[in-house]
PDB file of N, CA and C in Angstrom:
ATOM      1  N   MET A   1       0.844  -1.170   0.000  1.00  0.00           N
ATOM      2  CA  MET A   1       0.000   0.000   0.000  1.00  0.00           C
ATOM      3  C   MET A   1       0.891   1.235   0.000  1.00  0.00           C
ATOM      4  N   LEU A   2       0.637   2.145  -0.890  1.00  0.00           N
ATOM      5  CA  LEU A   2       1.423   3.356  -1.037  1.00  0.00           C
ATOM      6  C   LEU A   2       0.675   4.521  -0.419  1.00  0.00           C
ATOM      7  N   VAL A   3       1.347   5.219   0.473  1.00  0.00           N
ATOM      8  CA  VAL A   3       0.752   6.382   1.124  1.00  0.00           C
ATOM      9  C   VAL A   3       1.512   7.611   0.653  1.00  0.00           C
ATOM     10  N   ILE A   4       0.798   8.597   0.157  1.00  0.00           N
ATOM     11  CA  ILE A   4       1.421   9.828  -0.316  1.00  0.00           C
ATOM     12  C   ILE A   4       1.387  10.846   0.812  1.00  0.00           C
ATOM     13  N   VAL A   5       2.566  11.377   1.128  1.00  0.00           N
ATOM     14  CA  VAL A   5       2.694  12.343   2.217  1.00  0.00           C
ATOM     15  C   VAL A   5       3.269  13.631   1.637  1.00  0.00           C
ATOM     16  N   ASP A   6       2.655  14.759   1.977  1.00  0.00           N
ATOM     17  CA  ASP A   6       3.114  16.052   1.468  1.00  0.00           C
ATOM     18  C   ASP A   6       4.193  16.680   2.342  1.00  0.00           C
ATOM     19  N   ASP A   7       4.255  16.305   3.596  1.00  0.00           N
ATOM     20  CA  ASP A   7       5.195  16.919   4.534  1.00  0.00           C
ATOM     21  C   ASP A   7       6.588  16.307   4.356  1.00  0.00           C
ATOM     22  N   PRO A   8       7.590  17.117   3.951  1.00  0.00           N
ATOM     23  CA  PRO A   8       8.935  16.568   3.741  1.00  0.00           C
ATOM     24  C   PRO A   8       9.609  16.097   5.032  1.00  0.00           C
ATOM     25  N   ASP A   9       9.226  16.656   6.174  1.00  0.00           N
ATOM     26  CA  ASP A   9       9.814  16.215   7.439  1.00  0.00           C
ATOM     27  C   ASP A   9       9.423  14.778   7.756  1.00  0.00           C
ATOM     28  N   ILE A  10       8.189  14.432   7.494  1.00  0.00           N
ATOM     29  CA  ILE A  10       7.718  13.063   7.736  1.00  0.00           C
ATOM     30  C   ILE A  10       8.452  12.092   6.812  1.00  0.00           C
ATOM     31  N   VAL A  11       8.625  12.495   5.564  1.00  0.00           N
ATOM     32  CA  VAL A  11       9.340  11.653   4.604  1.00  0.00           C
ATOM     33  C   VAL A  11      10.795  11.469   5.043  1.00  0.00           C
ATOM     34  N   ALA A  12      11.444  12.561   5.460  1.00  0.00           N
ATOM     35  CA  ALA A  12      12.839  12.485   5.906  1.00  0.00           C
ATOM     36  C   ALA A  12      12.974  11.597   7.136  1.00  0.00           C
ATOM     37  N   ASP A  13      12.033  11.713   8.069  1.00  0.00           N
ATOM     38  CA  ASP A  13      12.071  10.870   9.267  1.00  0.00           C
ATOM     39  C   ASP A  13      11.917   9.397   8.919  1.00  0.00           C
ATOM     40  N   SER A  14      11.013   9.098   8.004  1.00  0.00           N
ATOM     41  CA  SER A  14      10.807   7.693   7.642  1.00  0.00           C
ATOM     42  C   SER A  14      12.019   7.134   6.898  1.00  0.00           C
ATOM     43  N   ILE A  15      12.657   7.956   6.071  1.00  0.00           N
ATOM     44  CA  ILE A  15      13.866   7.503   5.374  1.00  0.00           C
ATOM     45  C   ILE A  15      14.994   7.268   6.372  1.00  0.00           C
ATOM     46  N   ALA A  16      15.161   8.201   7.316  1.00  0.00           N
ATOM     47  CA  ALA A  16      16.204   8.044   8.336  1.00  0.00           C
ATOM     48  C   ALA A  16      15.973   6.790   9.167  1.00  0.00           C
ATOM     49  N   GLU A  17      14.719   6.526   9.505  1.00  0.00           N
ATOM     50  CA  GLU A  17      14.396   5.322  10.279  1.00  0.00           C
ATOM     51  C   GLU A  17      14.726   4.062   9.483  1.00  0.00           C
ATOM     52  N   GLY A  18      14.415   4.081   8.195  1.00  0.00           N
ATOM     53  CA  GLY A  18      14.735   2.941   7.340  1.00  0.00           C
ATOM     54  C   GLY A  18      16.228   2.705   7.214  1.00  0.00           C
ATOM     55  N   VAL A  19      16.991   3.794   7.102  1.00  0.00           N
ATOM     56  CA  VAL A  19      18.448   3.677   7.005  1.00  0.00           C
ATOM     57  C   VAL A  19      19.022   3.106   8.296  1.00  0.00           C
ATOM     58  N   LEU A  20      18.547   3.590   9.447  1.00  0.00           N
ATOM     59  CA  LEU A  20      19.045   3.079  10.726  1.00  0.00           C
ATOM     60  C   LEU A  20      18.723   1.600  10.900  1.00  0.00           C
ATOM     61  N   GLN A  21      17.527   1.179  10.500  1.00  0.00           N
ATOM     62  CA  GLN A  21      17.176  -0.238  10.582  1.00  0.00           C
ATOM     63  C   GLN A  21      18.081  -1.068   9.670  1.00  0.00           C
ATOM     64  N   SER A  22      18.378  -0.545   8.484  1.00  0.00           N
ATOM     65  CA  SER A  22      19.267  -1.246   7.556  1.00  0.00           C
ATOM     66  C   SER A  22      20.660  -1.379   8.134  1.00  0.00           C
ATOM     67  N   ILE A  23      21.135  -0.305   8.789  1.00  0.00           N
ATOM     68  CA  ILE A  23      22.465  -0.339   9.395  1.00  0.00           C
ATOM     69  C   ILE A  23      22.516  -1.408  10.473  1.00  0.00           C
ATOM     70  N   LYS A  24      21.480  -1.481  11.302  1.00  0.00           N
ATOM     71  CA  LYS A  24      21.465  -2.472  12.380  1.00  0.00           C
ATOM     72  C   LYS A  24      21.477  -3.894  11.827  1.00  0.00           C
ATOM     73  N   LEU A  25      20.851  -4.098  10.679  1.00  0.00           N
ATOM     74  CA  LEU A  25      20.865  -5.424  10.064  1.00  0.00           C
ATOM     75  C   LEU A  25      22.180  -5.689   9.342  1.00  0.00           C
ATOM     76  N   LEU A  26      22.782  -4.643   8.792  1.00  0.00           N
ATOM     77  CA  LEU A  26      23.983  -4.786   7.986  1.00  0.00           C
ATOM     78  C   LEU A  26      25.233  -4.994   8.827  1.00  0.00           C
ATOM     79  N   ILE A  27      25.341  -4.325   9.949  1.00  0.00           N
ATOM     80  CA  ILE A  27      26.571  -4.354  10.747  1.00  0.00           C
ATOM     81  C   ILE A  27      26.947  -5.766  11.195  1.00  0.00           C
ATOM     82  N   PRO A  28      26.041  -6.550  11.773  1.00  0.00           N
ATOM     83  CA  PRO A  28      26.460  -7.904  12.169  1.00  0.00           C
ATOM     84  C   PRO A  28      26.920  -8.753  10.990  1.00  0.00           C
ATOM     85  N   CYS A  29      26.369  -8.522   9.793  1.00  0.00           N
ATOM     86  CA  CYS A  29      26.790  -9.291   8.622  1.00  0.00           C
ATOM     87  C   CYS A  29      28.233  -8.983   8.256  1.00  0.00           C
ATOM     88  N   PHE A  30      28.631  -7.714   8.345  1.00  0.00           N
ATOM     89  CA  PHE A  30      30.009  -7.348   8.048  1.00  0.00           C
ATOM     90  C   PHE A  30      30.941  -7.720   9.193  1.00  0.00           C
ATOM     91  N   ALA A  31      30.478  -7.618  10.419  1.00  0.00           N
ATOM     92  CA  ALA A  31      31.342  -7.812  11.581  1.00  0.00           C
ATOM     93  C   ALA A  31      31.717  -9.275  11.788  1.00  0.00           C
ATOM     94  N   VAL A  32      30.824 -10.193  11.454  1.00  0.00           N
ATOM     95  CA  VAL A  32      31.104 -11.618  11.636  1.00  0.00           C
ATOM     96  C   VAL A  32      31.264 -12.243  10.255  1.00  0.00           C
ATOM     97  N   PRO A  33      32.486 -12.652   9.908  1.00  0.00           N
ATOM     98  CA  PRO A  33      32.708 -13.218   8.590  1.00  0.00           C
ATOM     99  C   PRO A  33      31.940 -14.521   8.402  1.00  0.00           C
ATOM    100  N   ILE A  34      31.601 -14.821   7.165  1.00  0.00           N
ATOM    101  CA  ILE A  34      30.859 -16.042   6.856  1.00  0.00           C
ATOM    102  C   ILE A  34      31.715 -17.243   7.237  1.00  0.00           C
ATOM    103  N   GLY A  35      31.155 -18.118   8.052  1.00  0.00           N
ATOM    104  CA  GLY A  35      31.879 -19.302   8.490  1.00  0.00           C
ATOM    105  C   GLY A  35      32.827 -19.038   9.643  1.00  0.00           C
ATOM    106  N   GLY A  36      32.942 -17.788  10.067  1.00  0.00           N
ATOM    107  CA  GLY A  36      33.857 -17.450  11.151  1.00  0.00           C
ATOM    108  C   GLY A  36      33.121 -17.287  12.464  1.00  0.00           C
ATOM    109  N   LYS A  37      33.882 -17.128  13.518  1.00  0.00           N
ATOM    110  CA  LYS A  37      33.278 -16.975  14.837  1.00  0.00           C
ATOM    111  C   LYS A  37      33.757 -15.695  15.511  1.00  0.00           C
ATOM    112  N   SER A  38      34.167 -14.709  14.723  1.00  0.00           N
ATOM    113  CA  SER A  38      34.644 -13.447  15.275  1.00  0.00           C
ATOM    114  C   SER A  38      33.485 -12.708  15.933  1.00  0.00           C
ATOM    115  N   GLN A  39      33.695 -12.272  17.150  1.00  0.00           N
ATOM    116  CA  GLN A  39      32.678 -11.518  17.881  1.00  0.00           C
ATOM    117  C   GLN A  39      33.344 -10.264  18.442  1.00  0.00           C
ATOM    118  N   PRO A  40      33.387  -9.189  17.660  1.00  0.00           N
ATOM    119  CA  PRO A  40      34.118  -7.998  18.085  1.00  0.00           C
ATOM    120  C   PRO A  40      33.535  -7.321  19.313  1.00  0.00           C
ATOM    121  N   TRP A  41      32.304  -7.605  19.657  1.00  0.00           N
ATOM    122  CA  TRP A  41      31.682  -6.996  20.830  1.00  0.00           C
ATOM    123  C   TRP A  41      32.015  -7.762  22.112  1.00  0.00           C
ATOM    124  N   PHE A  42      32.627  -8.937  21.992  1.00  0.00           N
ATOM    125  CA  PHE A  42      32.920  -9.777  23.151  1.00  0.00           C
ATOM    126  C   PHE A  42      34.178  -9.253  23.833  1.00  0.00           C
ATOM    127  N   GLY A  43      33.989  -8.392  24.821  1.00  0.00           N
ATOM    128  CA  GLY A  43      35.104  -7.758  25.518  1.00  0.00           C
ATOM    129  C   GLY A  43      35.336  -8.341  26.899  1.00  0.00           C
ATOM    130  N   ARG A  44      36.000  -7.553  27.724  1.00  0.00           N
ATOM    131  CA  ARG A  44      36.381  -7.995  29.070  1.00  0.00           C
ATOM    132  C   ARG A  44      35.158  -8.300  29.940  1.00  0.00           C
ATOM    133  N   THR A  45      34.145  -7.436  29.892  1.00  0.00           N
ATOM    134  CA  THR A  45      32.956  -7.662  30.728  1.00  0.00           C
ATOM    135  C   THR A  45      32.225  -8.933  30.303  1.00  0.00           C
ATOM    136  N   CYS A  46      32.178  -9.190  28.997  1.00  0.00           N
ATOM    137  CA  CYS A  46      31.538 -10.416  28.511  1.00  0.00           C
ATOM    138  C   CYS A  46      32.306 -11.645  28.986  1.00  0.00           C
ATOM    139  N   LYS A  47      33.630 -11.554  28.943  1.00  0.00           N
ATOM    140  CA  LYS A  47      34.454 -12.681  29.371  1.00  0.00           C
ATOM    141  C   LYS A  47      34.271 -12.952  30.863  1.00  0.00           C
ATOM    142  N   MET A  48      34.217 -11.879  31.667  1.00  0.00           N
ATOM    143  CA  MET A  48      34.016 -12.052  33.106  1.00  0.00           C
ATOM    144  C   MET A  48      32.649 -12.673  33.392  1.00  0.00           C
ATOM    145  N   ALA A  49      31.617 -12.228  32.670  1.00  0.00           N
ATOM    146  CA  ALA A  49      30.278 -12.788  32.865  1.00  0.00           C
ATOM    147  C   ALA A  49      30.240 -14.258  32.453  1.00  0.00           C
ATOM    148  N   ALA A  50      30.938 -14.605  31.374  1.00  0.00           N
ATOM    149  CA  ALA A  50      30.990 -16.003  30.927  1.00  0.00           C
ATOM    150  C   ALA A  50      31.702 -16.877  31.958  1.00  0.00           C
ATOM    151  N   CYS A  51      32.787 -16.366  32.528  1.00  0.00           N
ATOM    152  CA  CYS A  51      33.515 -17.124  33.565  1.00  0.00           C
ATOM    153  C   CYS A  51      32.648 -17.327  34.803  1.00  0.00           C
ATOM    154  N   HIS A  52      31.924 -16.283  35.198  1.00  0.00           N
ATOM    155  CA  HIS A  52      31.041 -16.385  36.367  1.00  0.00           C
ATOM    156  C   HIS A  52      29.933 -17.412  36.114  1.00  0.00           C
ATOM    157  N   LYS A  53      29.385 -17.399  34.902  1.00  0.00           N
ATOM    158  CA  LYS A  53      28.341 -18.366  34.545  1.00  0.00           C
ATOM    159  C   LYS A  53      28.903 -19.792  34.589  1.00  0.00           C
ATOM    160  N   ARG A  54      30.098 -19.981  34.024  1.00  0.00           N
ATOM    161  CA  ARG A  54      30.721 -21.308  33.998  1.00  0.00           C
ATOM    162  C   ARG A  54      31.009 -21.816  35.409  1.00  0.00           C
ATOM    163  N   GLU A  55      31.556 -20.937  36.261  1.00  0.00           N
ATOM    164  CA  GLU A  55      31.855 -21.329  37.643  1.00  0.00           C
ATOM    165  C   GLU A  55      30.579 -21.667  38.410  1.00  0.00           C
ATOM    166  N   SER A  56      29.526 -20.891  38.187  1.00  0.00           N
ATOM    167  CA  SER A  56      28.248 -21.164  38.854  1.00  0.00           C
ATOM    168  C   SER A  56      27.680 -22.502  38.407  1.00  0.00           C
ATOM    169  N   TYR A  57      27.814 -22.798  37.109  1.00  0.00           N
ATOM    170  CA  TYR A  57      27.321 -24.074  36.597  1.00  0.00           C
ATOM    171  C   TYR A  57      28.082 -25.243  37.221  1.00  0.00           C
ATOM    172  N   ARG A  58      29.402 -25.121  37.274  1.00  0.00           N
ATOM    173  CA  ARG A  58      30.213 -26.203  37.854  1.00  0.00           C
ATOM    174  C   ARG A  58      29.866 -26.437  39.320  1.00  0.00           C
ATOM    175  N   ALA A  59      29.688 -25.348  40.065  1.00  0.00           N
ATOM    176  CA  ALA A  59      29.330 -25.484  41.481  1.00  0.00           C
ATOM    177  C   ALA A  59      27.969 -26.157  41.621  1.00  0.00           C
ATOM    178  N   SER A  60      27.015 -25.760  40.777  1.00  0.00           N
ATOM    179  CA  SER A  60      25.673 -26.348  40.821  1.00  0.00           C
ATOM    180  C   SER A  60      25.710 -27.827  40.436  1.00  0.00           C
ATOM    181  N   ALA A  61      26.464 -28.156  39.397  1.00  0.00           N
ATOM    182  CA  ALA A  61      26.552 -29.551  38.950  1.00  0.00           C
ATOM    183  C   ALA A  61      27.227 -30.428  40.001  1.00  0.00           C
ATOM    184  N   ASN A  62      28.305 -29.928  40.599  1.00  0.00           N
ATOM    185  CA  ASN A  62      28.997 -30.703  41.636  1.00  0.00           C
ATOM    186  C   ASN A  62      28.106 -30.917  42.855  1.00  0.00           C
ATOM    187  N   ALA A  63      27.346 -29.892  43.230  1.00  0.00           N
ATOM    188  CA  ALA A  63      26.437 -30.023  44.371  1.00  0.00           C
ATOM    189  C   ALA A  63      25.321 -31.016  44.060  1.00  0.00           C
ATOM    190  N   SER A  64      24.855 -31.013  42.819  1.00  0.00           N
ATOM    191  CA  SER A  64      23.795 -31.937  42.419  1.00  0.00           C
ATOM    192  C   SER A  64      24.294 -33.384  42.435  1.00  0.00           C
ATOM    193  N   ILE A  65      25.510 -33.590  41.970  1.00  0.00           N
ATOM    194  CA  ILE A  65      26.086 -34.938  41.946  1.00  0.00           C
ATOM    195  C   ILE A  65      26.283 -35.471  43.361  1.00  0.00           C
ATOM    196  N   SER A  66      26.783 -34.607  44.230  1.00  0.00           N
ATOM    197  CA  SER A  66      27.052 -35.048  45.607  1.00  0.00           C
ATOM    198  C   SER A  66      25.812 -34.951  46.504  1.00  0.00           C
ATOM    199  N   GLN A  67      24.685 -34.567  45.936  1.00  0.00           N
ATOM    200  CA  GLN A  67      23.406 -34.422  46.656  1.00  0.00           C
ATOM    201  C   GLN A  67      23.554 -33.507  47.873  1.00  0.00           C
ATOM    202  N   ASP A  68      24.215 -32.383  47.631  1.00  0.00           N
ATOM    203  CA  ASP A  68      24.438 -31.386  48.678  1.00  0.00           C
ATOM    204  C   ASP A  68      23.127 -30.661  48.992  1.00  0.00           C
ATOM    205  N   VAL A  69      23.016 -30.157  50.202  1.00  0.00           N
ATOM    206  CA  VAL A  69      21.827 -29.424  50.640  1.00  0.00           C
ATOM    207  C   VAL A  69      21.719 -28.084  49.904  1.00  0.00           C
ATOM    208  N   LYS A  70      22.839 -27.524  49.480  1.00  0.00           N
ATOM    209  CA  LYS A  70      22.877 -26.205  48.841  1.00  0.00           C
ATOM    210  C   LYS A  70      22.533 -26.248  47.351  1.00  0.00           C
ATOM    211  N   THR A  71      22.128 -27.389  46.836  1.00  0.00           N
ATOM    212  CA  THR A  71      21.890 -27.547  45.403  1.00  0.00           C
ATOM    213  C   THR A  71      20.902 -26.525  44.869  1.00  0.00           C
ATOM    214  N   CYS A  72      19.805 -26.325  45.567  1.00  0.00           N
ATOM    215  CA  CYS A  72      18.765 -25.397  45.104  1.00  0.00           C
ATOM    216  C   CYS A  72      19.302 -23.966  45.027  1.00  0.00           C
ATOM    217  N   ALA A  73      20.021 -23.547  46.058  1.00  0.00           N
ATOM    218  CA  ALA A  73      20.577 -22.184  46.076  1.00  0.00           C
ATOM    219  C   ALA A  73      21.621 -22.005  44.978  1.00  0.00           C
ATOM    220  N   LEU A  74      22.439 -23.031  44.763  1.00  0.00           N
ATOM    221  CA  LEU A  74      23.464 -22.931  43.721  1.00  0.00           C
ATOM    222  C   LEU A  74      22.845 -22.934  42.323  1.00  0.00           C
ATOM    223  N   LYS A  75      21.745 -23.659  42.162  1.00  0.00           N
ATOM    224  CA  LYS A  75      21.054 -23.659  40.873  1.00  0.00           C
ATOM    225  C   LYS A  75      20.451 -22.282  40.598  1.00  0.00           C
ATOM    226  N   LYS A  76      19.888 -21.648  41.631  1.00  0.00           N
ATOM    227  CA  LYS A  76      19.357 -20.291  41.475  1.00  0.00           C
ATOM    228  C   LYS A  76      20.474 -19.314  41.123  1.00  0.00           C
ATOM    229  N   LYS A  77      21.633 -19.502  41.757  1.00  0.00           N
ATOM    230  CA  LYS A  77      22.784 -18.642  41.475  1.00  0.00           C
ATOM    231  C   LYS A  77      23.224 -18.815  40.020  1.00  0.00           C
ATOM    232  N   TYR A  78      23.215 -20.060  39.538  1.00  0.00           N
ATOM    233  CA  TYR A  78      23.572 -20.313  38.141  1.00  0.00           C
ATOM    234  C   TYR A  78      22.566 -19.667  37.191  1.00  0.00           C
ATOM    235  N   ASN A  79      21.276 -19.811  37.487  1.00  0.00           N
ATOM    236  CA  ASN A  79      20.245 -19.209  36.629  1.00  0.00           C
ATOM    237  C   ASN A  79      20.399 -17.690  36.569  1.00  0.00           C
ATOM    238  N   PHE A  80      20.703 -17.079  37.716  1.00  0.00           N
ATOM    239  CA  PHE A  80      20.920 -15.638  37.749  1.00  0.00           C
ATOM    240  C   PHE A  80      22.146 -15.267  36.913  1.00  0.00           C
ATOM    241  N   ALA A  81      23.229 -16.044  37.041  1.00  0.00           N
ATOM    242  CA  ALA A  81      24.450 -15.778  36.268  1.00  0.00           C
ATOM    243  C   ALA A  81      24.196 -15.943  34.774  1.00  0.00           C
ATOM    244  N   SER A  82      23.367 -16.909  34.413  1.00  0.00           N
ATOM    245  CA  SER A  82      23.041 -17.142  33.009  1.00  0.00           C
ATOM    246  C   SER A  82      22.264 -15.961  32.428  1.00  0.00           C
ATOM    247  N   ARG A  83      21.264 -15.489  33.162  1.00  0.00           N
ATOM    248  CA  ARG A  83      20.494 -14.318  32.701  1.00  0.00           C
ATOM    249  C   ARG A  83      21.372 -13.075  32.634  1.00  0.00           C
ATOM    250  N   SER A  84      22.241 -12.933  33.610  1.00  0.00           N
ATOM    251  CA  SER A  84      23.156 -11.792  33.643  1.00  0.00           C
ATOM    252  C   SER A  84      24.096 -11.825  32.436  1.00  0.00           C
ATOM    253  N   PHE A  85      24.591 -13.003  32.094  1.00  0.00           N
ATOM    254  CA  PHE A  85      25.472 -13.163  30.939  1.00  0.00           C
ATOM    255  C   PHE A  85      24.756 -12.749  29.654  1.00  0.00           C
ATOM    256  N   LYS A  86      23.514 -13.197  29.486  1.00  0.00           N
ATOM    257  CA  LYS A  86      22.742 -12.830  28.292  1.00  0.00           C
ATOM    258  C   LYS A  86      22.545 -11.320  28.211  1.00  0.00           C
ATOM    259  N   ARG A  87      22.286 -10.704  29.353  1.00  0.00           N
ATOM    260  CA  ARG A  87      22.096  -9.247  29.400  1.00  0.00           C
ATOM    261  C   ARG A  87      23.380  -8.513  29.015  1.00  0.00           C
ATOM    262  N   VAL A  88      24.519  -8.988  29.532  1.00  0.00           N
ATOM    263  CA  VAL A  88      25.811  -8.358  29.223  1.00  0.00           C
ATOM    264  C   VAL A  88      26.111  -8.474  27.728  1.00  0.00           C
ATOM    265  N   ILE A  89      25.855  -9.632  27.145  1.00  0.00           N
ATOM    266  CA  ILE A  89      26.083  -9.832  25.708  1.00  0.00           C
ATOM    267  C   ILE A  89      25.188  -8.901  24.894  1.00  0.00           C
ATOM    268  N   THR A  90      23.918  -8.803  25.264  1.00  0.00           N
ATOM    269  CA  THR A  90      22.988  -7.927  24.549  1.00  0.00           C
ATOM    270  C   THR A  90      23.440  -6.478  24.617  1.00  0.00           C
ATOM    271  N   GLU A  91      23.855  -6.036  25.807  1.00  0.00           N
ATOM    272  CA  GLU A  91      24.327  -4.658  25.963  1.00  0.00           C
ATOM    273  C   GLU A  91      25.605  -4.419  25.164  1.00  0.00           C
ATOM    274  N   ALA A  92      26.504  -5.386  25.154  1.00  0.00           N
ATOM    275  CA  ALA A  92      27.761  -5.236  24.410  1.00  0.00           C
ATOM    276  C   ALA A  92      27.497  -5.139  22.909  1.00  0.00           C
ATOM    277  N   LYS A  93      26.575  -5.962  22.398  1.00  0.00           N
ATOM    278  CA  LYS A  93      26.232  -5.891  20.977  1.00  0.00           C
ATOM    279  C   LYS A  93      25.613  -4.541  20.641  1.00  0.00           C
ATOM    280  N   ALA A  94      24.725  -4.059  21.510  1.00  0.00           N
ATOM    281  CA  ALA A  94      24.077  -2.766  21.269  1.00  0.00           C
ATOM    282  C   ALA A  94      25.100  -1.631  21.277  1.00  0.00           C
ATOM    283  N   GLU A  95      26.035  -1.665  22.217  1.00  0.00           N
ATOM    284  CA  GLU A  95      27.088  -0.639  22.265  1.00  0.00           C
ATOM    285  C   GLU A  95      27.947  -0.686  21.004  1.00  0.00           C
ATOM    286  N   TYR A  96      28.246  -1.889  20.544  1.00  0.00           N
ATOM    287  CA  TYR A  96      29.057  -2.045  19.336  1.00  0.00           C
ATOM    288  C   TYR A  96      28.330  -1.457  18.126  1.00  0.00           C
ATOM    289  N   VAL A  97      27.058  -1.778  17.981  1.00  0.00           N
ATOM    290  CA  VAL A  97      26.272  -1.252  16.861  1.00  0.00           C
ATOM    291  C   VAL A  97      26.171   0.267  16.952  1.00  0.00           C
ATOM    292  N   ASN A  98      25.984   0.801  18.151  1.00  0.00           N
ATOM    293  CA  ASN A  98      25.904   2.254  18.311  1.00  0.00           C
ATOM    294  C   ASN A  98      27.220   2.930  17.937  1.00  0.00           C
ATOM    295  N   ARG A  99      28.351   2.337  18.341  1.00  0.00           N
ATOM    296  CA  ARG A  99      29.656   2.909  17.972  1.00  0.00           C
ATOM    297  C   ARG A  99      29.825   2.940  16.458  1.00  0.00           C
ATOM    298  N   ILE A 100      29.463   1.838  15.797  1.00  0.00           N
ATOM    299  CA  ILE A 100      29.575   1.772  14.339  1.00  0.00           C
ATOM    300  C   ILE A 100      28.624   2.776  13.697  1.00  0.00           C
ATOM    301  N   SER A 101      27.419   2.901  14.228  1.00  0.00           N
ATOM    302  CA  SER A 101      26.448   3.853  13.680  1.00  0.00           C
ATOM    303  C   SER A 101      26.965   5.278  13.781  1.00  0.00           C
ATOM    304  N   GLU A 102      27.588   5.615  14.913  1.00  0.00           N
ATOM    305  CA  GLU A 102      28.150   6.959  15.069  1.00  0.00           C
ATOM    306  C   GLU A 102      29.265   7.204  14.061  1.00  0.00           C
ATOM    307  N   ARG A 103      30.085   6.187  13.805  1.00  0.00           N
ATOM    308  CA  ARG A 103      31.144   6.333  12.803  1.00  0.00           C
ATOM    309  C   ARG A 103      30.553   6.485  11.409  1.00  0.00           C
ATOM    310  N   LEU A 104      29.473   5.743  11.122  1.00  0.00           N
ATOM    311  CA  LEU A 104      28.841   5.824   9.806  1.00  0.00           C
ATOM    312  C   LEU A 104      28.249   7.202   9.548  1.00  0.00           C
ATOM    313  N   VAL A 105      27.748   7.835  10.593  1.00  0.00           N
ATOM    314  CA  VAL A 105      27.181   9.174  10.430  1.00  0.00           C
ATOM    315  C   VAL A 105      28.263  10.142   9.959  1.00  0.00           C
ATOM    316  N   ARG A 106      29.495   9.955  10.457  1.00  0.00           N
ATOM    317  CA  ARG A 106      30.595  10.847  10.093  1.00  0.00           C
ATOM    318  C   ARG A 106      31.295  10.422   8.800  1.00  0.00           C
ATOM    319  N   LEU A 107      30.895   9.305   8.227  1.00  0.00           N
ATOM    320  CA  LEU A 107      31.536   8.796   7.020  1.00  0.00           C
ATOM    321  C   LEU A 107      31.127   9.633   5.811  1.00  0.00           C
ATOM    322  N   ARG A 108      32.063   9.886   4.912  1.00  0.00           N
ATOM    323  CA  ARG A 108      31.773  10.733   3.748  1.00  0.00           C
ATOM    324  C   ARG A 108      31.290   9.915   2.561  1.00  0.00           C
ATOM    325  N   SER A 109      31.813   8.723   2.394  1.00  0.00           N
ATOM    326  CA  SER A 109      31.445   7.875   1.268  1.00  0.00           C
ATOM    327  C   SER A 109      30.698   6.651   1.790  1.00  0.00           C
ATOM    328  N   PHE A 110      29.611   6.291   1.127  1.00  0.00           N
ATOM    329  CA  PHE A 110      28.835   5.131   1.553  1.00  0.00           C
ATOM    330  C   PHE A 110      29.071   3.932   0.639  1.00  0.00           C
ATOM    331  N   ALA A 111      30.267   3.839   0.078  1.00  0.00           N
ATOM    332  CA  ALA A 111      30.617   2.678  -0.733  1.00  0.00           C
ATOM    333  C   ALA A 111      30.751   1.467   0.192  1.00  0.00           C
ATOM    334  N   PRO A 112      30.328   0.289  -0.246  1.00  0.00           N
ATOM    335  CA  PRO A 112      30.405  -0.901   0.617  1.00  0.00           C
ATOM    336  C   PRO A 112      31.807  -1.185   1.147  1.00  0.00           C
ATOM    337  N   SER A 113      32.833  -0.907   0.337  1.00  0.00           N
ATOM    338  CA  SER A 113      34.203  -1.174   0.802  1.00  0.00           C
ATOM    339  C   SER A 113      34.591  -0.255   1.957  1.00  0.00           C
ATOM    340  N   SER A 114      34.178   1.011   1.902  1.00  0.00           N
ATOM    341  CA  SER A 114      34.516   1.930   2.997  1.00  0.00           C
ATOM    342  C   SER A 114      33.726   1.592   4.257  1.00  0.00           C
ATOM    343  N   ILE A 115      32.499   1.128   4.100  1.00  0.00           N
ATOM    344  CA  ILE A 115      31.695   0.725   5.260  1.00  0.00           C
ATOM    345  C   ILE A 115      32.319  -0.509   5.913  1.00  0.00           C
ATOM    346  N   LYS A 116      32.720  -1.479   5.093  1.00  0.00           N
ATOM    347  CA  LYS A 116      33.329  -2.700   5.629  1.00  0.00           C
ATOM    348  C   LYS A 116      34.640  -2.383   6.338  1.00  0.00           C
ATOM    349  N   LYS A 117      35.429  -1.471   5.762  1.00  0.00           N
ATOM    350  CA  LYS A 117      36.695  -1.060   6.372  1.00  0.00           C
ATOM    351  C   LYS A 117      36.444  -0.403   7.723  1.00  0.00           C
ATOM    352  N   LEU A 118      35.414   0.414   7.798  1.00  0.00           N
ATOM    353  CA  LEU A 118      35.066   1.112   9.035  1.00  0.00           C
ATOM    354  C   LEU A 118      34.644   0.126  10.120  1.00  0.00           C
ATOM    355  N   ILE A 119      33.858  -0.859   9.761  1.00  0.00           N
ATOM    356  CA  ILE A 119      33.344  -1.828  10.730  1.00  0.00           C
ATOM    357  C   ILE A 119      34.454  -2.745  11.238  1.00  0.00           C
ATOM    358  N   ASN A 120      35.380  -3.103  10.377  1.00  0.00           N
ATOM    359  CA  ASN A 120      36.433  -4.043  10.761  1.00  0.00           C
ATOM    360  C   ASN A 120      37.626  -3.387  11.439  1.00  0.00           C
ATOM    361  N   LYS A 121      37.536  -2.108  11.761  1.00  0.00           N
ATOM    362  CA  LYS A 121      38.632  -1.426  12.470  1.00  0.00           C
ATOM    363  C   LYS A 121      38.798  -1.982  13.842  1.00  0.00           C
TER     364      LYS A 121
END
């Protein structure tokens, strides 16, 4: 369905929104090579959260095997660490996309090679 709008501000806003959505879809494609496992957003905080999740899992599994009384509490601790890890990863990806978006705004040429070069810095 085609809607005709006379107001140029509305048209400009819708175009800008479309470009931003395209950038959000495009950046992960350039950032992670096909067949590769590069995750440029995976920084120190992500690594610490992953280690905490792994340690919590091991403690919970060991308590479960030995039928320890603390099993329930350790399982809750693991579940919390798992949710926390997912949150940290989501925030790191969002920060990465925002950094790239800010660089793209300042970019003079929108050729695919210059965009790819900018993202892979």
